Amino acid sequence: MTFTHPSWATLVGPGGRIDFQTVADYSSPRWPDDTSLVHLDFLVDDLTATEARVLAAGASRCDVQPNAEHCLVFTDPAGHPFCLTTVDEIG
């Protein structure tokens, strides 16, 4: 389920929800140099297939990939970093 508003969006799934809000004069972080970086990791079964999906949706793969066997770093079209990972350290 989703909710959108000109300055707000919410994605709701079985495990919870994520909210996004517009920030005036936003400046995207710089991977890997920005030490205040906060990002999301998405657990996936197949890095290659999911990479193709996020690239097709407008993401960009970052040049720096410290653990490319198990985790890939991307930015969304606005420059927000996120990772796709096959490592489930909790489960």
PDB file of N, CA and C in Angstrom:
ATOM      1  N   MET A   1       0.842  -1.172   0.000  1.00  0.00           N
ATOM      2  CA  MET A   1       0.000   0.000   0.000  1.00  0.00           C
ATOM      3  C   MET A   1       0.889   1.238   0.000  1.00  0.00           C
ATOM      4  N   THR A   2       0.443   2.279  -0.634  1.00  0.00           N
ATOM      5  CA  THR A   2       1.195   3.526  -0.655  1.00  0.00           C
ATOM      6  C   THR A   2       0.268   4.705  -0.364  1.00  0.00           C
ATOM      7  N   PHE A   3       0.857   5.775   0.114  1.00  0.00           N
ATOM      8  CA  PHE A   3       0.165   7.048   0.323  1.00  0.00           C
ATOM      9  C   PHE A   3       1.085   8.121  -0.215  1.00  0.00           C
ATOM     10  N   THR A   4       0.555   9.028  -0.994  1.00  0.00           N
ATOM     11  CA  THR A   4       1.385  10.119  -1.497  1.00  0.00           C
ATOM     12  C   THR A   4       0.702  11.461  -1.270  1.00  0.00           C
ATOM     13  N   HIS A   5       1.517  12.449  -1.130  1.00  0.00           N
ATOM     14  CA  HIS A   5       1.122  13.841  -0.929  1.00  0.00           C
ATOM     15  C   HIS A   5       2.242  14.647  -1.581  1.00  0.00           C
ATOM     16  N   PRO A   6       2.040  15.882  -1.959  1.00  0.00           N
ATOM     17  CA  PRO A   6       3.123  16.633  -2.605  1.00  0.00           C
ATOM     18  C   PRO A   6       4.427  16.694  -1.811  1.00  0.00           C
ATOM     19  N   SER A   7       4.384  16.611  -0.491  1.00  0.00           N
ATOM     20  CA  SER A   7       5.622  16.677   0.297  1.00  0.00           C
ATOM     21  C   SER A   7       5.870  15.424   1.128  1.00  0.00           C
ATOM     22  N   TRP A   8       5.112  14.350   0.908  1.00  0.00           N
ATOM     23  CA  TRP A   8       5.213  13.173   1.772  1.00  0.00           C
ATOM     24  C   TRP A   8       4.812  11.922   0.997  1.00  0.00           C
ATOM     25  N   ALA A   9       5.471  10.818   1.271  1.00  0.00           N
ATOM     26  CA  ALA A   9       5.072   9.524   0.706  1.00  0.00           C
ATOM     27  C   ALA A   9       5.295   8.442   1.753  1.00  0.00           C
ATOM     28  N   THR A  10       4.417   7.463   1.772  1.00  0.00           N
ATOM     29  CA  THR A  10       4.522   6.345   2.704  1.00  0.00           C
ATOM     30  C   THR A  10       4.362   5.047   1.933  1.00  0.00           C
ATOM     31  N   LEU A  11       5.258   4.095   2.195  1.00  0.00           N
ATOM     32  CA  LEU A  11       5.143   2.736   1.675  1.00  0.00           C
ATOM     33  C   LEU A  11       4.871   1.825   2.860  1.00  0.00           C
ATOM     34  N   VAL A  12       3.826   1.030   2.766  1.00  0.00           N
ATOM     35  CA  VAL A  12       3.449   0.126   3.849  1.00  0.00           C
ATOM     36  C   VAL A  12       3.532  -1.303   3.335  1.00  0.00           C
ATOM     37  N   GLY A  13       4.208  -2.161   4.101  1.00  0.00           N
ATOM     38  CA  GLY A  13       4.320  -3.566   3.759  1.00  0.00           C
ATOM     39  C   GLY A  13       4.055  -4.424   4.968  1.00  0.00           C
ATOM     40  N   PRO A  14       4.163  -5.733   4.823  1.00  0.00           N
ATOM     41  CA  PRO A  14       3.854  -6.640   5.930  1.00  0.00           C
ATOM     42  C   PRO A  14       4.774  -6.475   7.135  1.00  0.00           C
ATOM     43  N   GLY A  15       5.992  -5.969   6.927  1.00  0.00           N
ATOM     44  CA  GLY A  15       6.940  -5.830   8.028  1.00  0.00           C
ATOM     45  C   GLY A  15       7.008  -4.441   8.630  1.00  0.00           C
ATOM     46  N   GLY A  16       6.211  -3.514   8.129  1.00  0.00           N
ATOM     47  CA  GLY A  16       6.261  -2.155   8.650  1.00  0.00           C
ATOM     48  C   GLY A  16       6.048  -1.142   7.556  1.00  0.00           C
ATOM     49  N   ARG A  17       6.540   0.060   7.788  1.00  0.00           N
ATOM     50  CA  ARG A  17       6.376   1.118   6.798  1.00  0.00           C
ATOM     51  C   ARG A  17       7.618   1.996   6.753  1.00  0.00           C
ATOM     52  N   ILE A  18       7.781   2.677   5.630  1.00  0.00           N
ATOM     53  CA  ILE A  18       8.851   3.638   5.440  1.00  0.00           C
ATOM     54  C   ILE A  18       8.201   4.926   4.972  1.00  0.00           C
ATOM     55  N   ASP A  19       8.576   6.036   5.604  1.00  0.00           N
ATOM     56  CA  ASP A  19       8.045   7.343   5.228  1.00  0.00           C
ATOM     57  C   ASP A  19       9.149   8.190   4.609  1.00  0.00           C
ATOM     58  N   PHE A  20       8.788   8.963   3.604  1.00  0.00           N
ATOM     59  CA  PHE A  20       9.710   9.843   2.914  1.00  0.00           C
ATOM     60  C   PHE A  20       9.118  11.249   2.919  1.00  0.00           C
ATOM     61  N   GLN A  21       9.954  12.240   3.193  1.00  0.00           N
ATOM     62  CA  GLN A  21       9.475  13.619   3.248  1.00  0.00           C
ATOM     63  C   GLN A  21      10.388  14.513   2.418  1.00  0.00           C
ATOM     64  N   THR A  22       9.805  15.465   1.718  1.00  0.00           N
ATOM     65  CA  THR A  22      10.564  16.433   0.943  1.00  0.00           C
ATOM     66  C   THR A  22      11.313  17.375   1.880  1.00  0.00           C
ATOM     67  N   VAL A  23      12.577  17.652   1.547  1.00  0.00           N
ATOM     68  CA  VAL A  23      13.395  18.571   2.326  1.00  0.00           C
ATOM     69  C   VAL A  23      13.874  19.673   1.389  1.00  0.00           C
ATOM     70  N   ALA A  24      13.547  20.909   1.726  1.00  0.00           N
ATOM     71  CA  ALA A  24      13.978  22.034   0.899  1.00  0.00           C
ATOM     72  C   ALA A  24      15.500  22.113   0.872  1.00  0.00           C
ATOM     73  N   ASP A  25      16.072  22.422  -0.273  1.00  0.00           N
ATOM     74  CA  ASP A  25      17.520  22.582  -0.443  1.00  0.00           C
ATOM     75  C   ASP A  25      18.304  21.334  -0.057  1.00  0.00           C
ATOM     76  N   TYR A  26      17.736  20.161  -0.298  1.00  0.00           N
ATOM     77  CA  TYR A  26      18.399  18.899   0.030  1.00  0.00           C
ATOM     78  C   TYR A  26      19.691  18.749  -0.767  1.00  0.00           C
ATOM     79  N   SER A  27      20.724  18.276  -0.106  1.00  0.00           N
ATOM     80  CA  SER A  27      21.989  17.951  -0.748  1.00  0.00           C
ATOM     81  C   SER A  27      22.294  16.486  -0.445  1.00  0.00           C
ATOM     82  N   SER A  28      22.374  15.671  -1.478  1.00  0.00           N
ATOM     83  CA  SER A  28      22.561  14.235  -1.263  1.00  0.00           C
ATOM     84  C   SER A  28      23.935  13.934  -0.691  1.00  0.00           C
ATOM     85  N   PRO A  29      24.040  12.873   0.129  1.00  0.00           N
ATOM     86  CA  PRO A  29      25.330  12.484   0.689  1.00  0.00           C
ATOM     87  C   PRO A  29      26.250  11.956  -0.405  1.00  0.00           C
ATOM     88  N   ARG A  30      27.513  11.921  -0.134  1.00  0.00           N
ATOM     89  CA  ARG A  30      28.511  11.416  -1.093  1.00  0.00           C
ATOM     90  C   ARG A  30      29.081  10.109  -0.570  1.00  0.00           C
ATOM     91  N   TRP A  31      28.801   9.025  -1.261  1.00  0.00           N
ATOM     92  CA  TRP A  31      29.315   7.709  -0.901  1.00  0.00           C
ATOM     93  C   TRP A  31      30.716   7.586  -1.451  1.00  0.00           C
ATOM     94  N   PRO A  32      31.695   7.116  -0.716  1.00  0.00           N
ATOM     95  CA  PRO A  32      31.697   6.687   0.685  1.00  0.00           C
ATOM     96  C   PRO A  32      32.248   7.756   1.634  1.00  0.00           C
ATOM     97  N   ASP A  33      32.380   8.984   1.165  1.00  0.00           N
ATOM     98  CA  ASP A  33      33.069  10.020   1.943  1.00  0.00           C
ATOM     99  C   ASP A  33      32.244  10.637   3.066  1.00  0.00           C
ATOM    100  N   ASP A  34      30.939  10.613   2.982  1.00  0.00           N
ATOM    101  CA  ASP A  34      30.086  11.267   3.974  1.00  0.00           C
ATOM    102  C   ASP A  34      29.928  10.366   5.200  1.00  0.00           C
ATOM    103  N   THR A  35      30.531  10.754   6.301  1.00  0.00           N
ATOM    104  CA  THR A  35      30.497   9.923   7.513  1.00  0.00           C
ATOM    105  C   THR A  35      29.168  10.015   8.256  1.00  0.00           C
ATOM    106  N   SER A  36      28.291  10.939   7.878  1.00  0.00           N
ATOM    107  CA  SER A  36      26.980  11.036   8.512  1.00  0.00           C
ATOM    108  C   SER A  36      25.938  10.233   7.738  1.00  0.00           C
ATOM    109  N   LEU A  37      26.392   9.404   6.843  1.00  0.00           N
ATOM    110  CA  LEU A  37      25.537   8.662   5.933  1.00  0.00           C
ATOM    111  C   LEU A  37      24.602   7.693   6.660  1.00  0.00           C
ATOM    112  N   VAL A  38      23.327   7.786   6.355  1.00  0.00           N
ATOM    113  CA  VAL A  38      22.324   6.818   6.791  1.00  0.00           C
ATOM    114  C   VAL A  38      21.688   6.273   5.528  1.00  0.00           C
ATOM    115  N   HIS A  39      21.542   4.961   5.455  1.00  0.00           N
ATOM    116  CA  HIS A  39      20.954   4.373   4.257  1.00  0.00           C
ATOM    117  C   HIS A  39      20.193   3.112   4.624  1.00  0.00           C
ATOM    118  N   LEU A  40      19.454   2.584   3.668  1.00  0.00           N
ATOM    119  CA  LEU A  40      18.691   1.356   3.855  1.00  0.00           C
ATOM    120  C   LEU A  40      19.407   0.196   3.191  1.00  0.00           C
ATOM    121  N   ASP A  41      19.359  -0.964   3.831  1.00  0.00           N
ATOM    122  CA  ASP A  41      19.815  -2.218   3.227  1.00  0.00           C
ATOM    123  C   ASP A  41      18.574  -3.056   2.938  1.00  0.00           C
ATOM    124  N   PHE A  42      18.501  -3.585   1.723  1.00  0.00           N
ATOM    125  CA  PHE A  42      17.387  -4.439   1.337  1.00  0.00           C
ATOM    126  C   PHE A  42      17.915  -5.856   1.126  1.00  0.00           C
ATOM    127  N   LEU A  43      17.370  -6.804   1.891  1.00  0.00           N
ATOM    128  CA  LEU A  43      17.756  -8.213   1.782  1.00  0.00           C
ATOM    129  C   LEU A  43      17.112  -8.800   0.532  1.00  0.00           C
ATOM    130  N   VAL A  44      17.940  -9.374  -0.342  1.00  0.00           N
ATOM    131  CA  VAL A  44      17.451  -9.957  -1.597  1.00  0.00           C
ATOM    132  C   VAL A  44      18.016 -11.357  -1.756  1.00  0.00           C
ATOM    133  N   ASP A  45      17.361 -12.164  -2.560  1.00  0.00           N
ATOM    134  CA  ASP A  45      17.842 -13.521  -2.832  1.00  0.00           C
ATOM    135  C   ASP A  45      18.847 -13.556  -3.981  1.00  0.00           C
ATOM    136  N   ASP A  46      18.691 -12.660  -4.947  1.00  0.00           N
ATOM    137  CA  ASP A  46      19.502 -12.686  -6.159  1.00  0.00           C
ATOM    138  C   ASP A  46      19.999 -11.269  -6.464  1.00  0.00           C
ATOM    139  N   LEU A  47      21.283 -11.018  -6.193  1.00  0.00           N
ATOM    140  CA  LEU A  47      21.845  -9.683  -6.431  1.00  0.00           C
ATOM    141  C   LEU A  47      21.767  -9.277  -7.899  1.00  0.00           C
ATOM    142  N   THR A  48      22.090 -10.182  -8.789  1.00  0.00           N
ATOM    143  CA  THR A  48      22.132  -9.850 -10.211  1.00  0.00           C
ATOM    144  C   THR A  48      20.757  -9.462 -10.736  1.00  0.00           C
ATOM    145  N   ALA A  49      19.752 -10.258 -10.414  1.00  0.00           N
ATOM    146  CA  ALA A  49      18.393  -9.972 -10.890  1.00  0.00           C
ATOM    147  C   ALA A  49      17.853  -8.693 -10.267  1.00  0.00           C
ATOM    148  N   THR A  50      18.106  -8.494  -8.978  1.00  0.00           N
ATOM    149  CA  THR A  50      17.591  -7.298  -8.317  1.00  0.00           C
ATOM    150  C   THR A  50      18.341  -6.063  -8.776  1.00  0.00           C
ATOM    151  N   GLU A  51      19.643  -6.193  -9.038  1.00  0.00           N
ATOM    152  CA  GLU A  51      20.398  -5.065  -9.589  1.00  0.00           C
ATOM    153  C   GLU A  51      19.768  -4.603 -10.897  1.00  0.00           C
ATOM    154  N   ALA A  52      19.424  -5.529 -11.766  1.00  0.00           N
ATOM    155  CA  ALA A  52      18.809  -5.167 -13.045  1.00  0.00           C
ATOM    156  C   ALA A  52      17.498  -4.413 -12.818  1.00  0.00           C
ATOM    157  N   ARG A  53      16.721  -4.830 -11.836  1.00  0.00           N
ATOM    158  CA  ARG A  53      15.440  -4.169 -11.550  1.00  0.00           C
ATOM    159  C   ARG A  53      15.636  -2.746 -11.029  1.00  0.00           C
ATOM    160  N   VAL A  54      16.596  -2.544 -10.103  1.00  0.00           N
ATOM    161  CA  VAL A  54      16.774  -1.193  -9.553  1.00  0.00           C
ATOM    162  C   VAL A  54      17.405  -0.261 -10.586  1.00  0.00           C
ATOM    163  N   LEU A  55      18.288  -0.780 -11.429  1.00  0.00           N
ATOM    164  CA  LEU A  55      18.855   0.053 -12.494  1.00  0.00           C
ATOM    165  C   LEU A  55      17.774   0.463 -13.485  1.00  0.00           C
ATOM    166  N   ALA A  56      16.881  -0.467 -13.824  1.00  0.00           N
ATOM    167  CA  ALA A  56      15.780  -0.159 -14.737  1.00  0.00           C
ATOM    168  C   ALA A  56      14.824   0.870 -14.132  1.00  0.00           C
ATOM    169  N   ALA A  57      14.750   0.910 -12.801  1.00  0.00           N
ATOM    170  CA  ALA A  57      13.875   1.864 -12.115  1.00  0.00           C
ATOM    171  C   ALA A  57      14.529   3.233 -11.926  1.00  0.00           C
ATOM    172  N   GLY A  58      15.798   3.377 -12.331  1.00  0.00           N
ATOM    173  CA  GLY A  58      16.453   4.679 -12.266  1.00  0.00           C
ATOM    174  C   GLY A  58      17.594   4.802 -11.279  1.00  0.00           C
ATOM    175  N   ALA A  59      17.924   3.727 -10.560  1.00  0.00           N
ATOM    176  CA  ALA A  59      19.053   3.768  -9.629  1.00  0.00           C
ATOM    177  C   ALA A  59      20.373   3.790 -10.402  1.00  0.00           C
ATOM    178  N   SER A  60      21.435   4.202  -9.714  1.00  0.00           N
ATOM    179  CA  SER A  60      22.792   4.171 -10.269  1.00  0.00           C
ATOM    180  C   SER A  60      23.677   3.358  -9.340  1.00  0.00           C
ATOM    181  N   ARG A  61      24.523   2.520  -9.924  1.00  0.00           N
ATOM    182  CA  ARG A  61      25.464   1.733  -9.120  1.00  0.00           C
ATOM    183  C   ARG A  61      26.651   2.621  -8.762  1.00  0.00           C
ATOM    184  N   CYS A  62      27.026   2.614  -7.488  1.00  0.00           N
ATOM    185  CA  CYS A  62      28.160   3.417  -7.022  1.00  0.00           C
ATOM    186  C   CYS A  62      29.476   2.804  -7.485  1.00  0.00           C
ATOM    187  N   ASP A  63      30.473   3.647  -7.677  1.00  0.00           N
ATOM    188  CA  ASP A  63      31.786   3.166  -8.086  1.00  0.00           C
ATOM    189  C   ASP A  63      32.465   2.358  -6.988  1.00  0.00           C
ATOM    190  N   VAL A  64      32.305   2.772  -5.742  1.00  0.00           N
ATOM    191  CA  VAL A  64      32.932   2.085  -4.614  1.00  0.00           C
ATOM    192  C   VAL A  64      32.003   0.970  -4.140  1.00  0.00           C
ATOM    193  N   GLN A  65      32.500  -0.263  -4.179  1.00  0.00           N
ATOM    194  CA  GLN A  65      31.743  -1.456  -3.775  1.00  0.00           C
ATOM    195  C   GLN A  65      32.623  -2.289  -2.841  1.00  0.00           C
ATOM    196  N   PRO A  66      32.576  -2.017  -1.522  1.00  0.00           N
ATOM    197  CA  PRO A  66      33.488  -2.692  -0.607  1.00  0.00           C
ATOM    198  C   PRO A  66      33.236  -4.188  -0.406  1.00  0.00           C
ATOM    199  N   ASN A  67      32.062  -4.691  -0.722  1.00  0.00           N
ATOM    200  CA  ASN A  67      31.754  -6.100  -0.505  1.00  0.00           C
ATOM    201  C   ASN A  67      30.832  -6.598  -1.614  1.00  0.00           C
ATOM    202  N   ALA A  68      31.266  -6.485  -2.850  1.00  0.00           N
ATOM    203  CA  ALA A  68      30.414  -6.755  -4.008  1.00  0.00           C
ATOM    204  C   ALA A  68      29.934  -8.199  -4.121  1.00  0.00           C
ATOM    205  N   GLU A  69      30.565  -9.127  -3.428  1.00  0.00           N
ATOM    206  CA  GLU A  69      30.088 -10.517  -3.460  1.00  0.00           C
ATOM    207  C   GLU A  69      28.740 -10.666  -2.771  1.00  0.00           C
ATOM    208  N   HIS A  70      28.494  -9.850  -1.747  1.00  0.00           N
ATOM    209  CA  HIS A  70      27.298 -10.011  -0.929  1.00  0.00           C
ATOM    210  C   HIS A  70      26.465  -8.743  -0.783  1.00  0.00           C
ATOM    211  N   CYS A  71      26.997  -7.605  -1.229  1.00  0.00           N
ATOM    212  CA  CYS A  71      26.299  -6.340  -1.010  1.00  0.00           C
ATOM    213  C   CYS A  71      26.677  -5.361  -2.122  1.00  0.00           C
ATOM    214  N   LEU A  72      25.665  -4.748  -2.733  1.00  0.00           N
ATOM    215  CA  LEU A  72      25.902  -3.751  -3.769  1.00  0.00           C
ATOM    216  C   LEU A  72      25.327  -2.412  -3.323  1.00  0.00           C
ATOM    217  N   VAL A  73      26.071  -1.341  -3.569  1.00  0.00           N
ATOM    218  CA  VAL A  73      25.672  -0.002  -3.161  1.00  0.00           C
ATOM    219  C   VAL A  73      25.181   0.766  -4.386  1.00  0.00           C
ATOM    220  N   PHE A  74      24.020   1.418  -4.235  1.00  0.00           N
ATOM    221  CA  PHE A  74      23.390   2.195  -5.299  1.00  0.00           C
ATOM    222  C   PHE A  74      22.954   3.543  -4.744  1.00  0.00           C
ATOM    223  N   THR A  75      22.590   4.444  -5.640  1.00  0.00           N
ATOM    224  CA  THR A  75      21.875   5.658  -5.245  1.00  0.00           C
ATOM    225  C   THR A  75      20.590   5.719  -6.058  1.00  0.00           C
ATOM    226  N   ASP A  76      19.552   6.266  -5.434  1.00  0.00           N
ATOM    227  CA  ASP A  76      18.313   6.476  -6.173  1.00  0.00           C
ATOM    228  C   ASP A  76      18.482   7.723  -7.038  1.00  0.00           C
ATOM    229  N   PRO A  77      17.500   8.060  -7.879  1.00  0.00           N
ATOM    230  CA  PRO A  77      17.667   9.215  -8.770  1.00  0.00           C
ATOM    231  C   PRO A  77      17.953  10.537  -8.058  1.00  0.00           C
ATOM    232  N   ALA A  78      17.566  10.677  -6.784  1.00  0.00           N
ATOM    233  CA  ALA A  78      17.835  11.909  -6.036  1.00  0.00           C
ATOM    234  C   ALA A  78      19.169  11.871  -5.315  1.00  0.00           C
ATOM    235  N   GLY A  79      19.875  10.741  -5.381  1.00  0.00           N
ATOM    236  CA  GLY A  79      21.188  10.635  -4.757  1.00  0.00           C
ATOM    237  C   GLY A  79      21.211   9.953  -3.402  1.00  0.00           C
ATOM    238  N   HIS A  80      20.075   9.437  -2.929  1.00  0.00           N
ATOM    239  CA  HIS A  80      20.047   8.725  -1.646  1.00  0.00           C
ATOM    240  C   HIS A  80      20.669   7.343  -1.821  1.00  0.00           C
ATOM    241  N   PRO A  81      21.658   7.002  -1.004  1.00  0.00           N
ATOM    242  CA  PRO A  81      22.281   5.691  -1.126  1.00  0.00           C
ATOM    243  C   PRO A  81      21.413   4.589  -0.504  1.00  0.00           C
ATOM    244  N   PHE A  82      21.536   3.391  -1.064  1.00  0.00           N
ATOM    245  CA  PHE A  82      20.906   2.200  -0.499  1.00  0.00           C
ATOM    246  C   PHE A  82      21.701   0.985  -0.953  1.00  0.00           C
ATOM    247  N   CYS A  83      21.538  -0.121  -0.227  1.00  0.00           N
ATOM    248  CA  CYS A  83      22.261  -1.346  -0.556  1.00  0.00           C
ATOM    249  C   CYS A  83      21.300  -2.489  -0.811  1.00  0.00           C
ATOM    250  N   LEU A  84      21.712  -3.372  -1.695  1.00  0.00           N
ATOM    251  CA  LEU A  84      21.080  -4.672  -1.853  1.00  0.00           C
ATOM    252  C   LEU A  84      22.046  -5.668  -1.257  1.00  0.00           C
ATOM    253  N   THR A  85      21.559  -6.551  -0.401  1.00  0.00           N
ATOM    254  CA  THR A  85      22.453  -7.492   0.257  1.00  0.00           C
ATOM    255  C   THR A  85      21.856  -8.888   0.322  1.00  0.00           C
ATOM    256  N   THR A  86      22.716  -9.888   0.311  1.00  0.00           N
ATOM    257  CA  THR A  86      22.290 -11.270   0.522  1.00  0.00           C
ATOM    258  C   THR A  86      22.648 -11.749   1.906  1.00  0.00           C
ATOM    259  N   VAL A  87      23.241 -10.880   2.718  1.00  0.00           N
ATOM    260  CA  VAL A  87      23.675 -11.248   4.074  1.00  0.00           C
ATOM    261  C   VAL A  87      22.543 -10.934   5.056  1.00  0.00           C
ATOM    262  N   ASP A  88      22.067 -11.987   5.720  1.00  0.00           N
ATOM    263  CA  ASP A  88      21.014 -11.838   6.744  1.00  0.00           C
ATOM    264  C   ASP A  88      21.628 -12.195   8.080  1.00  0.00           C
ATOM    265  N   GLU A  89      22.276 -11.198   8.722  1.00  0.00           N
ATOM    266  CA  GLU A  89      22.970 -11.445   9.982  1.00  0.00           C
ATOM    267  C   GLU A  89      22.024 -11.639  11.158  1.00  0.00           C
ATOM    268  N   ILE A  90      20.775 -11.206  11.004  1.00  0.00           N
ATOM    269  CA  ILE A  90      19.818 -11.331  12.098  1.00  0.00           C
ATOM    270  C   ILE A  90      19.175 -12.716  12.077  1.00  0.00           C
ATOM    271  N   GLY A  91      18.810 -13.181  10.885  1.00  0.00           N
ATOM    272  CA  GLY A  91      18.077 -14.442  10.781  1.00  0.00           C
ATOM    273  C   GLY A  91      18.976 -15.523  10.504  1.00  0.00           C
TER     274      GLY A  91
END
